[in-house]
Amino acid sequence: METLEQIKARAEVAVAGAKIDIIINPGPSQQSSLLIDNEHAPAVARFLCDDPALRLDFCSNATGVDWLDRTVKKTVKVKKVIDGEEKEVDETTEEFFHGYLEAVYHLYSMSHKHGPVIIRMRTTDRADGARLPSLAPIYRSAEFQEREIFDLYGVHFDGHPDLRRILMWDEFVDYPMRKDYREPDDYEFEPTPHDDMLEKARKHYSPRPQLDGAENIAAGNGGELNR
């Protein structure tokens, strides 16, 4: 299979105006990816799917990623004059990055038996209503998985054929897979709370009223109920 650099170069030629960056993964998997600008992402995905040499016709996985606001510290060497003498010293700088959400897709070729090629799209921020174009019209297998990303991360996919919650119910508030999500402690939605959930729920339960002594039947008069 072609290298990411070769795929990037050919995709940018095939889709005029497309901007693609290679995101290096320094982890053990070494699976770097292609970050595609949102405007041209569907066209680039179509190219990857249909190109005879690539035929990346199967999306095995689509997932969301939440990146919080963060400050990155960098230490650089600078030259400064100290006591009349130029010296090289360490200087620490800070750079602030606004948070954003991503949708990441793993593409394989069923016909050529190669892959994965990992592509990703990125929102401008983490605000409610963050949007990305849907790739479900190209990769049918992404339909339910984009719904999961919508449900759990709050990314709205433009052009999705059936965008609605898939794991949480419609009235549920917030997005459970975001890194700043805090679970509620009332658990009113849990019909049979147990273990840790039960302990949290008990703080919100009203004391059980006396029901005309009915709670004592099992202890004293249970036999009469069986006659």
Protein backbone atom coordinates (compact mmCIF):
# COMPACT_ATOMS: atom_id res chain seq x y z
CA MET A 1 0.00 0.00 0.00
CA GLU A 2 1.10 3.57 -0.61
CA THR A 3 2.57 5.64 2.21
CA LEU A 4 0.51 8.33 3.91
CA GLU A 5 2.63 10.96 2.19
CA GLN A 6 1.78 9.48 -1.21
CA ILE A 7 -1.92 9.15 -0.36
CA LYS A 8 -2.01 12.75 0.89
CA ALA A 9 -0.32 14.06 -2.27
CA ARG A 10 -2.64 12.18 -4.63
CA ALA A 11 -5.77 13.12 -2.67
CA GLU A 12 -4.88 16.81 -2.75
CA VAL A 13 -4.44 16.59 -6.51
CA ALA A 14 -7.69 14.67 -7.00
CA VAL A 15 -9.76 17.02 -4.79
CA ALA A 16 -9.01 20.63 -5.64
CA GLY A 17 -8.67 22.84 -2.57
CA ALA A 18 -8.43 20.00 -0.09
CA LYS A 19 -6.13 20.59 2.86
CA ILE A 20 -4.72 17.43 4.42
CA ASP A 21 -2.21 17.22 7.27
CA ILE A 22 -0.41 14.14 8.53
CA ILE A 23 -0.88 13.72 12.29
CA ILE A 24 2.01 11.73 13.72
CA ASN A 25 1.19 9.14 16.37
CA PRO A 26 4.22 8.69 18.64
CA GLY A 27 2.59 5.80 20.52
CA PRO A 28 3.41 2.09 20.21
CA SER A 29 0.95 1.57 17.33
CA GLN A 30 2.70 4.17 15.18
CA GLN A 31 -0.60 4.62 13.34
CA SER A 32 -0.40 8.15 12.02
CA SER A 33 -3.47 9.65 10.40
CA LEU A 34 -4.71 12.17 7.85
CA LEU A 35 -6.47 15.27 9.17
CA ILE A 36 -8.82 16.46 6.43
CA ASP A 37 -10.45 19.87 6.28
CA ASN A 38 -14.19 19.62 6.86
CA GLU A 39 -15.29 21.25 3.63
CA HIS A 40 -13.55 18.69 1.43
CA ALA A 41 -13.69 15.64 3.72
CA PRO A 42 -16.58 13.88 1.90
CA ALA A 43 -14.89 14.33 -1.47
CA VAL A 44 -11.55 13.06 -0.12
CA ALA A 45 -13.31 10.06 1.46
CA ARG A 46 -14.98 9.33 -1.87
CA PHE A 47 -11.58 9.43 -3.56
CA LEU A 48 -10.11 7.03 -1.00
CA CYS A 49 -13.04 4.68 -1.49
CA ASP A 50 -13.13 4.71 -5.29
CA ASP A 51 -9.47 5.10 -6.29
CA PRO A 52 -8.43 1.86 -8.09
CA ALA A 53 -5.08 1.62 -6.29
CA LEU A 54 -6.51 2.23 -2.82
CA ARG A 55 -10.12 0.96 -2.79
CA LEU A 56 -10.54 1.83 0.88
CA ASP A 57 -14.12 0.66 0.68
CA PHE A 58 -14.80 -0.42 4.27
CA CYS A 59 -14.95 1.70 7.42
CA SER A 60 -14.34 -0.69 10.29
CA ASN A 61 -14.58 1.84 13.06
CA ALA A 62 -15.58 5.45 13.68
CA THR A 63 -15.07 7.03 17.07
CA GLY A 64 -15.02 10.39 18.77
CA VAL A 65 -12.17 12.11 20.61
CA ASP A 66 -12.52 15.00 23.04
CA TRP A 67 -9.62 17.43 23.41
CA LEU A 68 -9.97 19.88 26.29
CA ASP A 69 -8.47 23.36 26.40
CA ARG A 70 -4.81 22.97 27.25
CA THR A 71 -1.63 24.91 27.79
CA VAL A 72 1.58 23.45 26.39
CA LYS A 73 4.91 24.42 27.93
CA LYS A 74 8.01 24.40 25.75
CA THR A 75 11.61 24.86 26.78
CA VAL A 76 13.90 26.39 24.18
CA LYS A 77 17.51 27.51 24.12
CA VAL A 78 18.00 31.27 23.74
CA LYS A 79 21.03 33.50 23.81
CA LYS A 80 21.09 36.30 26.38
CA VAL A 81 23.69 38.73 27.59
CA ILE A 82 24.35 38.08 31.26
CA ASP A 83 26.92 40.18 33.15
CA GLY A 84 28.23 41.45 29.84
CA GLU A 85 28.71 37.96 28.42
CA GLU A 86 26.49 36.22 25.89
CA LYS A 87 25.23 32.90 27.21
CA GLU A 88 22.83 30.24 26.06
CA VAL A 89 20.07 29.67 28.60
CA ASP A 90 16.82 27.72 28.83
CA GLU A 91 13.62 29.70 28.47
CA THR A 92 10.14 28.30 29.04
CA THR A 93 7.23 29.49 26.92
CA GLU A 94 3.54 28.64 27.15
CA GLU A 95 1.09 28.21 24.28
CA PHE A 96 -2.66 27.92 24.79
CA PHE A 97 -4.81 25.67 22.59
CA HIS A 98 -8.60 25.79 22.49
CA GLY A 99 -10.36 22.44 22.85
CA TYR A 100 -12.10 20.65 20.00
CA LEU A 101 -13.79 17.39 19.09
CA GLU A 102 -12.72 14.88 16.47
CA ALA A 103 -14.28 12.06 14.50
CA VAL A 104 -11.76 9.36 13.56
CA TYR A 105 -12.36 6.67 10.91
CA HIS A 106 -10.36 3.48 10.24
CA LEU A 107 -10.55 2.54 6.56
CA TYR A 108 -9.64 -0.80 4.98
CA SER A 109 -9.74 -2.26 1.49
CA MET A 110 -11.75 -5.45 1.24
CA SER A 111 -10.67 -6.02 -2.36
CA HIS A 112 -6.94 -5.28 -1.94
CA LYS A 113 -6.69 -6.60 1.64
CA HIS A 114 -4.78 -3.63 3.00
CA GLY A 115 -5.20 -0.92 5.62
CA PRO A 116 -5.93 0.72 7.86
CA VAL A 117 -5.71 4.26 6.64
CA ILE A 118 -6.90 6.49 9.46
CA ILE A 119 -8.62 9.76 8.63
CA ARG A 120 -9.95 12.38 11.01
CA MET A 121 -12.04 15.53 11.02
CA ARG A 122 -11.93 18.26 13.66
CA THR A 123 -14.50 20.75 14.95
CA THR A 124 -13.60 24.37 15.56
CA ASP A 125 -14.46 24.12 19.27
CA ARG A 126 -16.29 22.07 21.90
CA ALA A 127 -19.43 24.19 21.99
CA ASP A 128 -22.91 22.69 21.83
CA GLY A 129 -23.90 22.22 18.22
CA ALA A 130 -20.39 21.42 16.98
CA ARG A 131 -20.71 20.14 13.42
CA LEU A 132 -18.87 17.87 10.99
CA PRO A 133 -19.88 16.45 7.60
CA SER A 134 -21.19 12.89 7.67
CA LEU A 135 -19.30 10.14 5.86
CA ALA A 136 -22.23 7.73 6.19
CA PRO A 137 -23.36 8.37 2.57
CA ILE A 138 -19.97 6.95 1.49
CA TYR A 139 -19.42 4.35 4.20
CA ARG A 140 -22.73 2.79 5.28
CA SER A 141 -21.02 1.14 8.24
CA ALA A 142 -20.39 4.61 9.71
CA GLU A 143 -24.11 5.33 10.07
CA PHE A 144 -24.63 3.87 13.55
CA GLN A 145 -21.15 4.84 14.70
CA GLU A 146 -21.68 8.49 13.81
CA ARG A 147 -24.91 8.30 15.79
CA GLU A 148 -22.86 7.11 18.77
CA ILE A 149 -20.47 10.04 18.38
CA PHE A 150 -23.45 12.40 18.18
CA ASP A 151 -25.03 10.79 21.23
CA LEU A 152 -21.95 10.59 23.47
CA TYR A 153 -19.86 13.57 22.28
CA GLY A 154 -22.46 15.97 20.87
CA VAL A 155 -21.09 16.23 17.31
CA HIS A 156 -23.82 16.97 14.75
CA PHE A 157 -23.15 15.27 11.41
CA ASP A 158 -24.47 17.23 8.45
CA GLY A 159 -25.89 14.94 5.77
CA HIS A 160 -26.39 11.95 8.05
CA PRO A 161 -29.48 9.99 6.95
CA ASP A 162 -30.88 9.35 10.44
CA LEU A 163 -29.10 11.39 13.11
CA ARG A 164 -30.63 10.68 16.53
CA ARG A 165 -29.52 9.30 19.87
CA ILE A 166 -28.70 5.61 19.88
CA LEU A 167 -27.63 4.77 23.47
CA MET A 168 -29.10 7.55 25.63
CA TRP A 169 -32.75 8.55 25.60
CA ASP A 170 -33.94 11.78 23.96
CA GLU A 171 -34.45 13.64 27.25
CA PHE A 172 -30.94 12.90 28.51
CA VAL A 173 -28.86 16.04 29.03
CA ASP A 174 -25.13 16.32 28.26
CA TYR A 175 -22.68 13.96 26.55
CA PRO A 176 -21.26 11.13 28.71
CA MET A 177 -17.99 10.59 26.80
CA ARG A 178 -16.78 14.17 27.05
CA LYS A 179 -13.85 14.50 29.41
CA ASP A 180 -15.52 17.19 31.52
CA TYR A 181 -18.78 15.22 31.93
CA ARG A 182 -19.92 14.78 35.52
CA GLU A 183 -22.47 12.08 36.21
CA PRO A 184 -25.58 13.06 38.16
CA ASP A 185 -26.09 11.70 41.66
CA ASP A 186 -29.88 11.45 41.73
CA TYR A 187 -30.27 8.56 39.28
CA GLU A 188 -33.98 9.19 38.93
CA PHE A 189 -33.71 7.52 35.53
CA GLU A 190 -32.47 4.24 37.07
CA PRO A 191 -35.50 2.01 37.78
CA THR A 192 -33.54 -0.49 39.89
CA PRO A 193 -30.45 1.25 41.29
CA HIS A 194 -27.86 -1.01 42.88
CA ASP A 195 -24.39 -0.90 44.40
CA ASP A 196 -22.83 2.57 44.05
CA MET A 197 -25.89 3.87 42.19
CA LEU A 198 -28.14 2.82 45.07
CA GLU A 199 -26.01 4.66 47.63
CA LYS A 200 -26.20 7.85 45.57
CA ALA A 201 -29.91 7.45 44.94
CA ARG A 202 -30.75 6.95 48.63
CA LYS A 203 -29.81 10.57 49.34
CA HIS A 204 -32.75 11.62 47.20
CA TYR A 205 -35.36 9.07 48.34
CA SER A 206 -38.17 10.14 50.67
CA PRO A 207 -38.60 7.97 53.79
CA ARG A 208 -40.99 5.11 53.08
CA PRO A 209 -44.36 5.82 54.76
CA GLN A 210 -46.10 3.32 57.04
CA LEU A 211 -48.66 1.48 54.92
CA ASP A 212 -51.24 0.56 57.61
CA GLY A 213 -48.87 -2.02 59.01
CA ALA A 214 -48.69 -3.90 55.73
CA GLU A 215 -44.91 -4.10 56.00
CA ASN A 216 -45.34 -6.34 59.07
CA ILE A 217 -47.42 -8.99 57.30
CA ALA A 218 -44.40 -11.05 56.30
CA ALA A 219 -43.19 -11.13 59.90
CA GLY A 220 -46.42 -11.94 61.76
CA ASN A 221 -49.33 -12.87 59.53
CA GLY A 222 -47.74 -14.35 56.46
CA GLY A 223 -49.44 -17.69 57.00
CA GLU A 224 -52.90 -16.17 56.76
CA LEU A 225 -52.20 -14.93 53.24
CA ASN A 226 -51.71 -18.47 52.02
CA ARG A 227 -55.07 -19.88 53.18
